[in-house]
Amino acid sequence: MTARMKLPVLLSVSFKYLWSYRRRYLFLFLTLAFSFGVVTVISSLKDGMEEGLYFSAQSHYAGDIVADGRESGSSTDHLTETEMTAIFAAAEAVNITTSSLAIRTTRSGRREGAIYFNGNEAALKYVVGVDWEREKSYFSKLLYTGEPGFTDDQSILLSAPIAQELGARQGDSVVLETLTTLGEKNTGNFVVAGIVEDSSFFGYYKVYVSRLTLNRLIGFNDGDCSLIGFFLPSRSGIKEKREALHRELSSRITTGPLVYDRDGFDEAYRQIESGIVTFLLTLPVYLSEAAQVMDAIDLAFLVLFSMMLAIIMVSAAVTSRLILHERIRETGTMRAIGFYEADVRLIFKLEIFTMALFSMIAGFFLALLINVILSGTSFTWVPGFEVFLQNGRLSARYLPGTIVVNIAAVGCMLGLAIWGPIFRNSRNPLPEMLSGGAL
């Protein structure tokens, strides 16, 4: 009988044996299902948290590719209308397609401003001037305490921690103090149009106001800004698009070198001699510090992943050894009626891997159930954890590549665990097997 003709017979025999010994396999089935479910939960949440961090950073830094103007001797990011015109022309020349565009004026630093209400003061790290209408879609997706009101040139959005520190509520009048381009203090009166539920390190000390109003407070011309952010339809090809935009923009205005992390950016900034230099930045440059957090999450995932694989390997080795020991006469009978050693080994492997396939399917559905429960649980009480959330909830991502890796890892551990017992079982002397001898 050829191998092609033999395989359906061996598959049929393995399925029959699997059904006959289903109770013996129950412990291994449950162990595999639970372990694969835990592995899937951990990997899907890790991928979801990375996605949440990316989108939080994308919203905070205003795009996938950000044109940021830096000026020698100034702590204020600044793009004049000359730089802005050149940036838009360069983007059009290299066909940069955007899903949305952000033009913002920002003041950021350890203490770039303060806000006052009813005798209380709260320090600010981020004062962000935005075009309300242009970024309407973004602000409609934020989580608010109550329903946000109408935003105009005298409106301000506060983060919830700032509002709580001040004791301010929606509709109250507050005083915003910020530094001008000359380092002097200037103030403006604003009405609280909304309170944003954001206590992450991106949003804790942050307020939003009109870009026009902030420009006038800090001494910019009305049309100036600090940065232009391009939100791209897809995250694929961002590196190549930034390089193409950089080549084109360098031929039009003074442009800084391409940098790939925060240290490189700071070093390039220190080398500015005069005038405004435009840098094209991507999120990995901004997220150098946050990458350390993700490295810690990856390490924790690796430890848990290894523990689950170890449990799978030990459980499979013990269970397969016990089952094969009970079936030693059965193995001898198969050998006696003409099955080769390789046939016997293949039957047992097909039997166990078929059971493993069903257990991983069950484990995947278990992971779906667990993630549904976790996604319905609020984690906003964990300080700073909001940066990993989407719409205030944990979000799981089932990436095909990750699932394939999980399945392959479980399959490898299972194969290593059962190979030894199956090989020894099939190589025992036939008389010993028929008499029920030990492995």
Protein backbone atom coordinates (compact mmCIF):
# COMPACT_ATOMS: atom_id res chain seq x y z
CA MET A 1 0.00 0.00 0.00
CA THR A 2 1.46 3.39 -0.98
CA ALA A 3 1.85 6.22 1.52
CA ARG A 4 -0.93 8.18 -0.21
CA MET A 5 -3.34 5.25 0.06
CA LYS A 6 -2.27 4.46 3.61
CA LEU A 7 -2.79 7.95 5.08
CA PRO A 8 -6.65 7.93 4.99
CA VAL A 9 -6.61 4.55 6.73
CA LEU A 10 -4.26 5.81 9.45
CA LEU A 11 -6.34 8.96 9.89
CA SER A 12 -9.49 6.89 10.28
CA VAL A 13 -7.83 4.61 12.84
CA SER A 14 -6.46 7.58 14.83
CA PHE A 15 -9.90 9.27 14.96
CA LYS A 16 -11.51 6.06 16.20
CA TYR A 17 -8.90 5.65 18.91
CA LEU A 18 -9.23 9.31 19.91
CA TRP A 19 -12.97 8.89 20.39
CA SER A 20 -12.52 5.61 22.26
CA TYR A 21 -10.00 7.15 24.68
CA ARG A 22 -11.63 10.57 24.94
CA ARG A 23 -11.96 10.28 28.73
CA ARG A 24 -8.24 9.55 29.04
CA TYR A 25 -7.48 12.67 27.01
CA LEU A 26 -9.86 14.92 28.95
CA PHE A 27 -7.19 16.24 31.35
CA LEU A 28 -4.78 17.05 28.52
CA PHE A 29 -7.59 18.59 26.47
CA LEU A 30 -8.57 20.91 29.33
CA THR A 31 -4.95 21.78 30.08
CA LEU A 32 -4.23 22.65 26.45
CA ALA A 33 -7.45 24.62 26.07
CA PHE A 34 -6.80 26.64 29.23
CA SER A 35 -3.12 27.24 28.43
CA PHE A 36 -3.78 28.24 24.82
CA GLY A 37 -6.62 30.48 25.99
CA VAL A 38 -4.33 32.25 28.47
CA VAL A 39 -1.57 32.60 25.86
CA THR A 40 -4.08 34.06 23.38
CA VAL A 41 -5.46 36.49 25.97
CA ILE A 42 -1.98 37.71 26.91
CA SER A 43 -0.77 38.10 23.31
CA SER A 44 -3.98 39.74 22.07
CA LEU A 45 -4.05 42.21 24.97
CA LYS A 46 -0.36 43.01 24.49
CA ASP A 47 -0.99 43.76 20.81
CA GLY A 48 -4.08 45.76 21.79
CA MET A 49 -2.13 47.78 24.36
CA GLU A 50 0.59 48.53 21.81
CA GLU A 51 -2.12 49.69 19.41
CA GLY A 52 -3.70 51.79 22.15
CA LEU A 53 -0.35 53.40 22.95
CA TYR A 54 0.21 54.15 19.27
CA PHE A 55 -3.17 55.82 18.84
CA SER A 56 -2.81 57.75 22.11
CA ALA A 57 0.57 59.04 20.94
CA GLN A 58 -0.79 59.71 17.45
CA SER A 59 -3.53 61.91 18.92
CA HIS A 60 -1.21 63.64 21.38
CA TYR A 61 1.59 64.39 18.93
CA ALA A 62 -0.87 65.10 16.11
CA GLY A 63 -0.11 62.63 13.34
CA ASP A 64 1.92 59.79 11.88
CA ILE A 65 4.37 62.23 10.31
CA VAL A 66 4.81 65.56 12.11
CA ALA A 67 6.51 68.65 10.69
CA ASP A 68 7.88 70.40 13.79
CA GLY A 69 9.56 73.79 13.63
CA ARG A 70 12.43 74.46 16.03
CA GLU A 71 14.17 77.81 16.45
CA SER A 72 17.61 78.52 17.82
CA GLY A 73 17.55 80.02 21.32
CA SER A 74 13.80 79.47 21.74
CA SER A 75 11.89 76.84 23.69
CA THR A 76 8.82 77.42 21.51
CA ASP A 77 8.10 75.21 18.49
CA HIS A 78 7.40 77.59 15.64
CA LEU A 79 6.45 77.43 11.96
CA THR A 80 5.76 80.68 10.13
CA GLU A 81 3.55 80.88 7.09
CA THR A 82 6.68 80.55 4.92
CA GLU A 83 7.51 77.12 6.38
CA MET A 84 3.86 76.08 6.35
CA THR A 85 3.49 76.89 2.65
CA ALA A 86 6.65 74.93 1.84
CA ILE A 87 5.47 71.92 3.86
CA PHE A 88 2.10 71.78 2.11
CA ALA A 89 3.74 72.18 -1.31
CA ALA A 90 6.27 69.41 -0.58
CA ALA A 91 3.54 67.06 0.67
CA GLU A 92 1.57 67.66 -2.52
CA ALA A 93 4.66 67.13 -4.67
CA VAL A 94 5.36 63.66 -3.23
CA ASN A 95 1.66 62.71 -3.11
CA ILE A 96 1.25 62.41 0.66
CA THR A 97 -2.36 61.29 1.09
CA THR A 98 -3.87 62.04 4.50
CA SER A 99 -6.96 60.88 6.31
CA SER A 100 -6.85 64.10 8.33
CA LEU A 101 -4.55 67.02 9.02
CA ALA A 102 -3.74 68.80 12.28
CA ILE A 103 -2.27 72.29 12.57
CA ARG A 104 -1.44 73.10 16.17
CA THR A 105 0.36 75.66 18.28
CA THR A 106 1.86 74.10 21.38
CA ARG A 107 3.58 75.13 24.56
CA SER A 108 5.13 72.12 26.28
CA GLY A 109 7.64 71.67 29.04
CA ARG A 110 7.93 71.07 32.75
CA ARG A 111 5.94 74.23 33.51
CA GLU A 112 4.80 76.04 30.40
CA GLY A 113 1.76 77.60 31.97
CA ALA A 114 -0.74 77.58 34.78
CA ILE A 115 -4.47 77.85 35.17
CA TYR A 116 -6.34 79.67 37.93
CA PHE A 117 -9.85 79.34 39.27
CA ASN A 118 -11.45 80.59 42.47
CA GLY A 119 -8.10 81.12 44.17
CA ASN A 120 -6.74 77.72 43.14
CA GLU A 121 -3.78 77.15 40.81
CA ALA A 122 -2.81 74.13 38.69
CA ALA A 123 0.46 73.85 36.77
CA LEU A 124 0.33 72.83 33.12
CA LYS A 125 2.76 70.83 31.00
CA TYR A 126 0.89 71.04 27.70
CA VAL A 127 -1.01 74.03 26.35
CA VAL A 128 -2.33 73.05 22.93
CA GLY A 129 -3.86 75.47 20.44
CA VAL A 130 -6.10 73.73 17.90
CA ASP A 131 -8.48 74.55 15.08
CA TRP A 132 -11.76 73.32 16.57
CA GLU A 133 -13.50 72.78 13.25
CA ARG A 134 -10.53 71.10 11.55
CA GLU A 135 -10.15 68.60 14.43
CA LYS A 136 -13.85 68.18 15.13
CA SER A 137 -13.66 64.44 14.47
CA TYR A 138 -10.84 64.02 17.01
CA PHE A 139 -12.61 65.90 19.77
CA SER A 140 -15.85 64.03 19.15
CA LYS A 141 -14.05 60.76 20.05
CA LEU A 142 -12.70 61.91 23.41
CA LEU A 143 -14.31 60.81 26.67
CA TYR A 144 -15.83 63.69 28.62
CA THR A 145 -17.26 64.29 32.05
CA GLY A 146 -20.72 65.29 30.92
CA GLU A 147 -21.60 66.64 27.49
CA PRO A 148 -19.04 69.12 26.04
CA GLY A 149 -20.33 72.53 25.10
CA PHE A 150 -19.72 74.76 22.11
CA THR A 151 -16.07 75.54 21.43
CA ASP A 152 -14.94 78.96 20.19
CA ASP A 153 -11.96 81.27 20.56
CA GLN A 154 -12.65 81.76 24.28
CA SER A 155 -13.31 78.08 25.06
CA ILE A 156 -10.97 75.77 26.91
CA LEU A 157 -11.00 72.01 27.44
CA LEU A 158 -9.48 70.80 30.71
CA SER A 159 -8.27 67.33 31.63
CA ALA A 160 -10.25 65.78 34.49
CA PRO A 161 -7.33 65.82 36.99
CA ILE A 162 -6.77 69.55 36.36
CA ALA A 163 -10.46 70.30 36.74
CA GLN A 164 -10.59 68.32 39.98
CA GLU A 165 -7.50 70.08 41.34
CA LEU A 166 -9.05 73.46 40.58
CA GLY A 167 -12.57 72.54 41.62
CA ALA A 168 -13.76 73.84 38.24
CA ARG A 169 -16.80 72.62 36.34
CA GLN A 170 -18.11 73.06 32.84
CA GLY A 171 -19.24 76.65 32.26
CA ASP A 172 -16.85 78.16 34.81
CA SER A 173 -14.54 81.01 33.85
CA VAL A 174 -10.82 80.35 34.34
CA VAL A 175 -7.61 82.28 33.75
CA LEU A 176 -4.89 80.71 31.62
CA GLU A 177 -1.32 81.89 32.10
CA THR A 178 1.38 80.94 29.61
CA LEU A 179 4.78 82.12 28.47
CA THR A 180 5.30 84.24 25.38
CA THR A 181 8.08 83.67 22.85
CA LEU A 182 10.12 86.21 24.83
CA GLY A 183 9.70 84.27 28.07
CA GLU A 184 7.23 86.72 29.57
CA LYS A 185 3.96 85.73 31.21
CA ASN A 186 0.64 86.53 29.56
CA THR A 187 -2.89 85.64 30.61
CA GLY A 188 -6.28 85.13 29.02
CA ASN A 189 -9.80 84.46 30.26
CA PHE A 190 -11.55 81.28 29.07
CA VAL A 191 -14.79 79.43 29.65
CA VAL A 192 -14.60 75.70 30.39
CA ALA A 193 -16.38 74.06 27.44
CA GLY A 194 -15.65 70.49 28.51
CA ILE A 195 -13.65 68.25 30.81
CA VAL A 196 -11.71 65.40 29.19
CA GLU A 197 -11.41 62.09 31.04
CA ASP A 198 -7.66 61.65 30.62
CA SER A 199 -5.24 61.08 33.48
CA SER A 200 -2.52 59.45 31.36
CA PHE A 201 0.94 61.02 31.14
CA PHE A 202 -0.14 62.42 27.75
CA GLY A 203 -3.17 64.25 29.08
CA TYR A 204 -2.80 64.80 32.83
CA TYR A 205 -1.43 68.38 32.75
CA LYS A 206 -2.99 69.37 29.44
CA VAL A 207 -5.50 71.92 28.15
CA TYR A 208 -6.86 72.71 24.68
CA VAL A 209 -7.67 76.21 23.47
CA SER A 210 -8.16 77.92 20.10
CA ARG A 211 -4.97 78.13 18.03
CA LEU A 212 -5.73 81.73 17.07
CA THR A 213 -6.16 82.76 20.71
CA LEU A 214 -2.99 80.96 21.83
CA ASN A 215 -1.02 82.51 18.95
CA ARG A 216 -1.99 85.97 20.18
CA LEU A 217 -1.20 85.09 23.80
CA ILE A 218 2.34 83.91 23.07
CA GLY A 219 3.20 86.44 20.35
CA PHE A 220 2.83 84.45 17.11
CA ASN A 221 1.26 85.85 13.99
CA ASP A 222 -2.35 84.73 13.56
CA GLY A 223 -1.52 82.22 10.81
CA ASP A 224 1.54 80.68 12.48
CA CYS A 225 1.70 77.34 14.25
CA SER A 226 4.13 74.99 16.00
CA LEU A 227 3.57 71.83 14.01
CA ILE A 228 1.67 70.26 11.14
CA GLY A 229 0.61 66.66 11.62
CA PHE A 230 -0.22 64.28 8.78
CA PHE A 231 -2.56 61.42 9.73
CA LEU A 232 -2.05 58.72 7.11
CA PRO A 233 -4.73 56.22 6.01
CA SER A 234 -2.36 53.30 6.70
CA ARG A 235 0.65 52.71 8.93
CA SER A 236 2.47 50.87 6.16
CA GLY A 237 5.16 52.78 4.34
CA ILE A 238 5.42 55.63 6.86
CA LYS A 239 9.22 55.47 6.85
CA GLU A 240 9.42 55.69 3.06
CA LYS A 241 6.91 58.54 2.93
CA ARG A 242 8.82 60.53 5.52
CA GLU A 243 12.06 60.06 3.57
CA ALA A 244 10.43 61.20 0.32
CA LEU A 245 8.88 64.24 2.04
CA HIS A 246 12.22 65.05 3.66
CA ARG A 247 14.05 65.04 0.32
CA GLU A 248 11.46 67.34 -1.23
CA LEU A 249 11.20 69.68 1.75
CA SER A 250 15.00 70.00 2.04
CA SER A 251 15.04 71.61 -1.41
CA ARG A 252 12.59 74.28 -0.28
CA ILE A 253 13.42 75.33 3.31
CA THR A 254 15.97 74.64 6.05
CA THR A 255 15.27 71.10 7.20
CA GLY A 256 16.82 69.13 10.02
CA PRO A 257 18.27 65.64 9.56
CA LEU A 258 16.12 62.54 9.84
CA VAL A 259 16.18 61.36 13.45
CA TYR A 260 14.98 58.05 14.83
CA ASP A 261 14.79 58.50 18.61
CA ARG A 262 14.50 61.20 21.25
CA ASP A 263 18.24 61.43 21.92
CA GLY A 264 18.97 61.94 18.23
CA PHE A 265 16.29 64.63 18.04
CA ASP A 266 17.64 66.48 21.09
CA GLU A 267 21.17 66.36 19.67
CA ALA A 268 20.02 67.71 16.29
CA TYR A 269 18.05 70.47 18.07
CA ARG A 270 21.12 71.58 20.01
CA GLN A 271 23.05 72.01 16.77
CA ILE A 272 20.66 74.63 15.34
CA GLU A 273 22.68 77.81 14.80
CA SER A 274 20.06 80.29 13.62
CA GLY A 275 16.58 80.61 12.21
CA ILE A 276 13.78 78.05 12.08
CA VAL A 277 14.67 74.47 11.23
CA THR A 278 11.87 72.07 10.30
CA PHE A 279 12.10 68.46 11.49
CA LEU A 280 10.01 65.61 10.13
CA LEU A 281 9.23 63.29 13.02
CA THR A 282 7.42 59.98 13.41
CA LEU A 283 5.95 58.48 16.56
CA PRO A 284 8.93 56.21 17.39
CA VAL A 285 10.97 59.39 17.90
CA TYR A 286 8.49 60.65 20.49
CA LEU A 287 7.90 57.24 22.06
CA SER A 288 11.48 56.43 23.01
CA GLU A 289 10.59 56.62 26.72
CA ALA A 290 7.29 54.77 26.31
CA ALA A 291 9.17 52.01 24.48
CA GLN A 292 10.75 51.09 27.81
CA VAL A 293 7.27 50.48 29.22
CA MET A 294 6.41 48.25 26.27
CA ASP A 295 9.69 46.37 26.73
CA ALA A 296 8.63 45.59 30.30
CA ILE A 297 5.23 44.42 29.04
CA ASP A 298 6.93 42.25 26.43
CA LEU A 299 9.15 40.72 29.11
CA ALA A 300 6.16 39.94 31.33
CA PHE A 301 4.39 38.39 28.34
CA LEU A 302 7.43 36.26 27.56
CA VAL A 303 7.59 34.96 31.14
CA LEU A 304 3.89 34.04 31.20
CA PHE A 305 4.11 32.59 27.71
CA SER A 306 7.04 30.39 28.76
CA MET A 307 5.17 29.25 31.87
CA MET A 308 2.16 28.18 29.80
CA LEU A 309 4.37 26.31 27.35
CA ALA A 310 6.11 24.53 30.23
CA ILE A 311 2.72 23.49 31.63
CA ILE A 312 1.70 22.19 28.21
CA MET A 313 4.91 20.21 27.79
CA VAL A 314 4.80 18.58 31.24
CA SER A 315 1.07 17.77 30.99
CA ALA A 316 1.45 16.30 27.50
CA ALA A 317 4.48 14.21 28.48
CA VAL A 318 2.79 12.72 31.58
CA THR A 319 -0.58 12.14 29.93
CA SER A 320 0.82 10.57 26.75
CA ARG A 321 3.09 8.27 28.75
CA LEU A 322 0.19 7.03 30.88
CA ILE A 323 -2.11 6.51 27.89
CA LEU A 324 0.54 4.67 25.87
CA HIS A 325 1.39 2.47 28.83
CA GLU A 326 -2.26 1.41 29.11
CA ARG A 327 -2.36 0.65 25.39
CA ILE A 328 0.81 -1.43 25.11
CA ARG A 329 -1.12 -4.59 24.09
CA GLU A 330 -3.06 -2.57 21.53
CA THR A 331 0.21 -1.36 20.04
CA GLY A 332 1.48 -4.94 19.90
CA THR A 333 -1.70 -6.08 18.16
CA MET A 334 -1.29 -3.38 15.49
CA ARG A 335 2.29 -4.47 14.95
CA ALA A 336 1.23 -8.14 14.77
CA ILE A 337 -1.37 -7.56 12.04
CA GLY A 338 1.08 -5.76 9.79
CA PHE A 339 1.45 -2.12 10.88
CA TYR A 340 4.98 -0.80 10.67
CA GLU A 341 6.61 1.06 13.57
CA ALA A 342 6.35 4.30 11.60
CA ASP A 343 2.62 3.64 11.04
CA VAL A 344 2.03 3.12 14.77
CA ARG A 345 3.91 6.31 15.62
CA LEU A 346 1.97 8.29 13.02
CA ILE A 347 -1.38 7.00 14.37
CA PHE A 348 -0.54 8.17 17.89
CA LYS A 349 0.75 11.53 16.63
CA LEU A 350 -2.37 12.12 14.53
CA GLU A 351 -4.50 11.15 17.51
CA ILE A 352 -2.84 13.60 19.89
CA PHE A 353 -2.49 16.46 17.43
CA THR A 354 -6.15 16.15 16.41
CA MET A 355 -7.09 16.42 20.07
CA ALA A 356 -4.72 19.41 20.36
CA LEU A 357 -6.41 21.10 17.40
CA PHE A 358 -9.83 20.86 19.05
CA SER A 359 -8.38 22.02 22.37
CA MET A 360 -6.81 25.11 20.76
CA ILE A 361 -10.11 25.96 19.09
CA ALA A 362 -11.79 25.70 22.49
CA GLY A 363 -8.98 27.76 24.01
CA PHE A 364 -9.46 30.49 21.40
CA PHE A 365 -13.15 30.78 22.24
CA LEU A 366 -12.23 30.86 25.93
CA ALA A 367 -9.88 33.76 25.14
CA LEU A 368 -12.69 35.57 23.30
CA LEU A 369 -14.92 35.22 26.36
CA ILE A 370 -12.22 36.44 28.76
CA ASN A 371 -11.42 39.42 26.55
CA VAL A 372 -15.10 40.36 26.34
CA ILE A 373 -15.20 40.42 30.13
CA LEU A 374 -11.98 42.44 30.36
CA SER A 375 -13.11 44.89 27.68
CA GLY A 376 -16.20 45.61 29.74
CA THR A 377 -14.09 46.37 32.81
CA SER A 378 -12.92 49.92 33.43
CA PHE A 379 -9.21 50.37 34.13
CA THR A 380 -9.26 54.15 34.36
CA TRP A 381 -8.63 53.84 38.10
CA VAL A 382 -5.08 52.66 37.33
CA PRO A 383 -2.93 55.85 37.20
CA GLY A 384 -1.53 56.45 33.71
CA PHE A 385 -3.01 53.25 32.28
CA GLU A 386 -5.37 55.16 29.98
CA VAL A 387 -2.56 55.57 27.47
CA PHE A 388 -2.91 51.86 26.64
CA LEU A 389 -6.71 51.93 26.38
CA GLN A 390 -9.03 52.67 23.50
CA ASN A 391 -12.18 54.57 24.45
CA GLY A 392 -11.34 53.89 28.08
CA ARG A 393 -11.36 50.09 27.65
CA LEU A 394 -8.81 47.37 27.02
CA SER A 395 -8.89 46.31 23.39
CA ALA A 396 -7.70 42.90 22.15
CA ARG A 397 -6.15 42.45 18.70
CA TYR A 398 -6.06 39.01 17.11
CA LEU A 399 -3.25 39.43 14.64
CA PRO A 400 -2.89 36.46 12.24
CA GLY A 401 0.88 36.43 12.66
CA THR A 402 0.64 36.29 16.46
CA ILE A 403 -1.95 33.51 16.38
CA VAL A 404 0.21 31.46 14.01
CA VAL A 405 3.21 31.90 16.34
CA ASN A 406 1.09 30.80 19.33
CA ILE A 407 -0.14 27.70 17.50
CA ALA A 408 3.37 26.85 16.31
CA ALA A 409 4.81 27.25 19.81
CA VAL A 410 2.16 25.00 21.35
CA GLY A 411 2.61 22.46 18.55
CA CYS A 412 6.38 22.39 19.07
CA MET A 413 6.05 21.87 22.84
CA LEU A 414 3.49 19.14 22.26
CA GLY A 415 5.69 17.44 19.69
CA LEU A 416 8.71 17.51 22.01
CA ALA A 417 6.65 16.10 24.87
CA ILE A 418 5.15 13.14 23.02
CA TRP A 419 8.02 12.17 20.73
CA GLY A 420 9.95 10.19 23.33
CA PRO A 421 7.06 8.12 24.75
CA ILE A 422 5.67 7.35 21.28
CA PHE A 423 9.06 6.32 19.91
CA ARG A 424 9.82 4.03 22.85
CA ASN A 425 6.32 2.54 22.71
CA SER A 426 6.64 1.62 19.03
CA ARG A 427 10.15 0.11 19.42
CA ASN A 428 9.36 -2.36 22.22
CA PRO A 429 9.83 -6.07 21.35
CA LEU A 430 6.60 -7.52 19.99
CA PRO A 431 6.31 -10.40 22.54
CA GLU A 432 6.76 -7.92 25.38
CA MET A 433 4.04 -5.66 24.00
CA LEU A 434 1.56 -8.50 23.50
CA SER A 435 2.14 -9.66 27.08
CA GLY A 436 1.50 -6.12 28.39
CA GLY A 437 5.12 -5.40 29.33
CA ALA A 438 6.19 -2.00 30.62
CA LEU A 439 7.55 0.72 28.37
